[in-house]
C-alpha atoms as a PDB file:
ATOM      1  CA  MET A   1      17.426  -7.769  -0.630  1.00  0.00           C
ATOM      2  CA  LYS A   2      13.959  -8.257   1.040  1.00  0.00           C
ATOM      3  CA  LYS A   3      10.990  -8.496  -1.074  1.00  0.00           C
ATOM      4  CA  VAL A   4       7.827  -6.492  -0.567  1.00  0.00           C
ATOM      5  CA  LYS A   5       4.590  -6.888  -2.139  1.00  0.00           C
ATOM      6  CA  VAL A   6       2.309  -3.983  -2.366  1.00  0.00           C
ATOM      7  CA  SER A   7      -1.422  -4.467  -3.485  1.00  0.00           C
ATOM      8  CA  ILE A   8      -3.386  -1.427  -3.745  1.00  0.00           C
ATOM      9  CA  CYS A   9      -7.246  -1.842  -3.627  1.00  0.00           C
ATOM     10  CA  THR A  10      -8.623   0.000  -6.740  1.00  0.00           C
ATOM     11  CA  GLY A  11     -12.374  -0.772  -5.884  1.00  0.00           C
ATOM     12  CA  THR A  12     -14.569   2.679  -6.307  1.00  0.00           C
ATOM     13  CA  ALA A  13     -14.363   3.693  -2.757  1.00  0.00           C
ATOM     14  CA  CYS A  14     -10.609   2.929  -2.315  1.00  0.00           C
ATOM     15  CA  PHE A  15      -9.925   4.819  -5.582  1.00  0.00           C
ATOM     16  CA  VAL A  16     -11.932   7.878  -4.788  1.00  0.00           C
ATOM     17  CA  MET A  17     -10.376   8.107  -1.279  1.00  0.00           C
ATOM     18  CA  GLY A  18      -6.961   8.217  -2.551  1.00  0.00           C
ATOM     19  CA  ALA A  19      -5.793   4.868  -3.984  1.00  0.00           C
ATOM     20  CA  SER A  20      -5.489   6.710  -7.174  1.00  0.00           C
ATOM     21  CA  GLU A  21      -2.763   8.720  -5.674  1.00  0.00           C
ATOM     22  CA  ILE A  22      -1.072   5.565  -4.020  1.00  0.00           C
ATOM     23  CA  MET A  23      -1.042   3.798  -7.388  1.00  0.00           C
ATOM     24  CA  MET A  24       1.944   6.401  -8.095  1.00  0.00           C
ATOM     25  CA  LEU A  25       3.977   4.985  -5.064  1.00  0.00           C
ATOM     26  CA  GLU A  26       6.996   4.056  -7.340  1.00  0.00           C
ATOM     27  CA  ASP A  27       7.465   7.519  -8.327  1.00  0.00           C
ATOM     28  CA  SER A  28       7.507   8.553  -4.757  1.00  0.00           C
ATOM     29  CA  LEU A  29       9.852   5.913  -3.075  1.00  0.00           C
ATOM     30  CA  PRO A  30      12.925   7.303  -1.564  1.00  0.00           C
ATOM     31  CA  GLU A  31      16.291   6.218  -3.244  1.00  0.00           C
ATOM     32  CA  ASP A  32      17.501   4.156  -0.250  1.00  0.00           C
ATOM     33  CA  LEU A  33      14.405   2.041  -0.478  1.00  0.00           C
ATOM     34  CA  LYS A  34      14.620   1.649  -4.344  1.00  0.00           C
ATOM     35  CA  ASN A  35      18.193   0.451  -3.783  1.00  0.00           C
ATOM     36  CA  SER A  36      17.683  -1.878  -0.775  1.00  0.00           C
ATOM     37  CA  VAL A  37      14.216  -3.467  -1.339  1.00  0.00           C
ATOM     38  CA  ASP A  38      12.647  -5.450  -4.020  1.00  0.00           C
ATOM     39  CA  ILE A  39       9.339  -3.860  -4.351  1.00  0.00           C
ATOM     40  CA  GLU A  40       6.353  -5.277  -6.436  1.00  0.00           C
ATOM     41  CA  ILE A  41       3.516  -2.698  -6.880  1.00  0.00           C
ATOM     42  CA  ASP A  42       0.102  -3.861  -8.136  1.00  0.00           C
ATOM     43  CA  GLY A  43      -3.758  -3.149  -8.010  1.00  0.00           C
ATOM     44  CA  ILE A  44      -6.379  -5.475  -6.784  1.00  0.00           C
ATOM     45  CA  SER A  45      -9.891  -4.678  -8.073  1.00  0.00           C
ATOM     46  CA  CYS A  46     -11.316  -4.999  -4.616  1.00  0.00           C
ATOM     47  CA  LEU A  47     -10.000  -6.096  -1.174  1.00  0.00           C
ATOM     48  CA  GLU A  48     -13.743  -6.334   0.163  1.00  0.00           C
ATOM     49  CA  LYS A  49     -12.741  -4.534   3.451  1.00  0.00           C
ATOM     50  CA  CYS A  50     -15.007  -1.446   3.131  1.00  0.00           C
ATOM     51  CA  GLY A  51     -18.303  -3.406   4.057  1.00  0.00           C
ATOM     52  CA  ASN A  52     -16.847  -3.850   7.959  1.00  0.00           C
ATOM     53  CA  ALA A  53     -16.165  -0.848   9.894  1.00  0.00           C
ATOM     54  CA  GLN A  54     -13.704  -2.872  12.018  1.00  0.00           C
ATOM     55  CA  ASN A  55     -11.412  -2.869   9.168  1.00  0.00           C
ATOM     56  CA  GLY A  56     -10.820   0.814   9.144  1.00  0.00           C
ATOM     57  CA  LYS A  57     -11.500   3.180   6.514  1.00  0.00           C
ATOM     58  CA  ALA A  58     -10.720   3.241   2.744  1.00  0.00           C
ATOM     59  CA  PRO A  59      -8.280   3.361   0.954  1.00  0.00           C
ATOM     60  CA  PHE A  60      -6.886  -0.223   1.732  1.00  0.00           C
ATOM     61  CA  VAL A  61      -3.368  -1.465   0.797  1.00  0.00           C
ATOM     62  CA  LEU A  62      -1.801  -4.798   1.641  1.00  0.00           C
ATOM     63  CA  VAL A  63       1.860  -4.854   2.272  1.00  0.00           C
ATOM     64  CA  ASN A  64       3.091  -8.173   2.492  1.00  0.00           C
ATOM     65  CA  GLY A  65      -0.250  -9.627   3.259  1.00  0.00           C
ATOM     66  CA  GLU A  66      -0.883  -7.085   6.331  1.00  0.00           C
ATOM     67  CA  VAL A  67      -3.882  -4.810   5.582  1.00  0.00           C
ATOM     68  CA  LEU A  68      -3.257  -1.057   6.011  1.00  0.00           C
ATOM     69  CA  SER A  69      -6.358   1.323   6.424  1.00  0.00           C
ATOM     70  CA  ALA A  70      -6.903   4.923   5.647  1.00  0.00           C
ATOM     71  CA  ALA A  71      -3.585   4.359   3.588  1.00  0.00           C
ATOM     72  CA  THR A  72      -1.425   7.276   2.187  1.00  0.00           C
ATOM     73  CA  ILE A  73       1.936   7.226   0.187  1.00  0.00           C
ATOM     74  CA  SER A  74       3.749   8.090   3.494  1.00  0.00           C
ATOM     75  CA  THR A  75       2.191   5.303   5.663  1.00  0.00           C
ATOM     76  CA  VAL A  76       2.917   2.838   2.855  1.00  0.00           C
ATOM     77  CA  ILE A  77       6.425   3.905   2.842  1.00  0.00           C
ATOM     78  CA  GLU A  78       6.693   3.819   6.550  1.00  0.00           C
ATOM     79  CA  LYS A  79       5.496   0.104   6.388  1.00  0.00           C
ATOM     80  CA  ILE A  80       7.975  -0.784   3.593  1.00  0.00           C
ATOM     81  CA  ARG A  81      10.757   0.964   5.647  1.00  0.00           C
ATOM     82  CA  ALA A  82       9.928  -1.146   8.720  1.00  0.00           C
ATOM     83  CA  ILE A  83       9.943  -4.417   6.701  1.00  0.00           C
ATOM     84  CA  ALA A  84      13.164  -3.297   5.239  1.00  0.00           C
ATOM     85  CA  GLU A  85      14.745  -2.643   8.683  1.00  0.00           C
ATOM     86  CA  GLU A  86      13.627  -6.140  10.231  1.00  0.00           C
END
């Protein structure tokens, strides 16, 4: 079973831009991913990505160390699915 660590930035900008919704990721995971991937979800107080426009836009989420910018529940699930299929 593959392991996936999802760290959601909960700093002010990220939280306001949608991280608060992404924190409910576990409730939105499709059953096939719940059964095939060991997913650890946590919040991080700040990823310090907002200060540099090259990083993209908030909210930021780390999935197995890879930064997703302008993250949504859908884009995080897509990334988890891609990891599961590797």
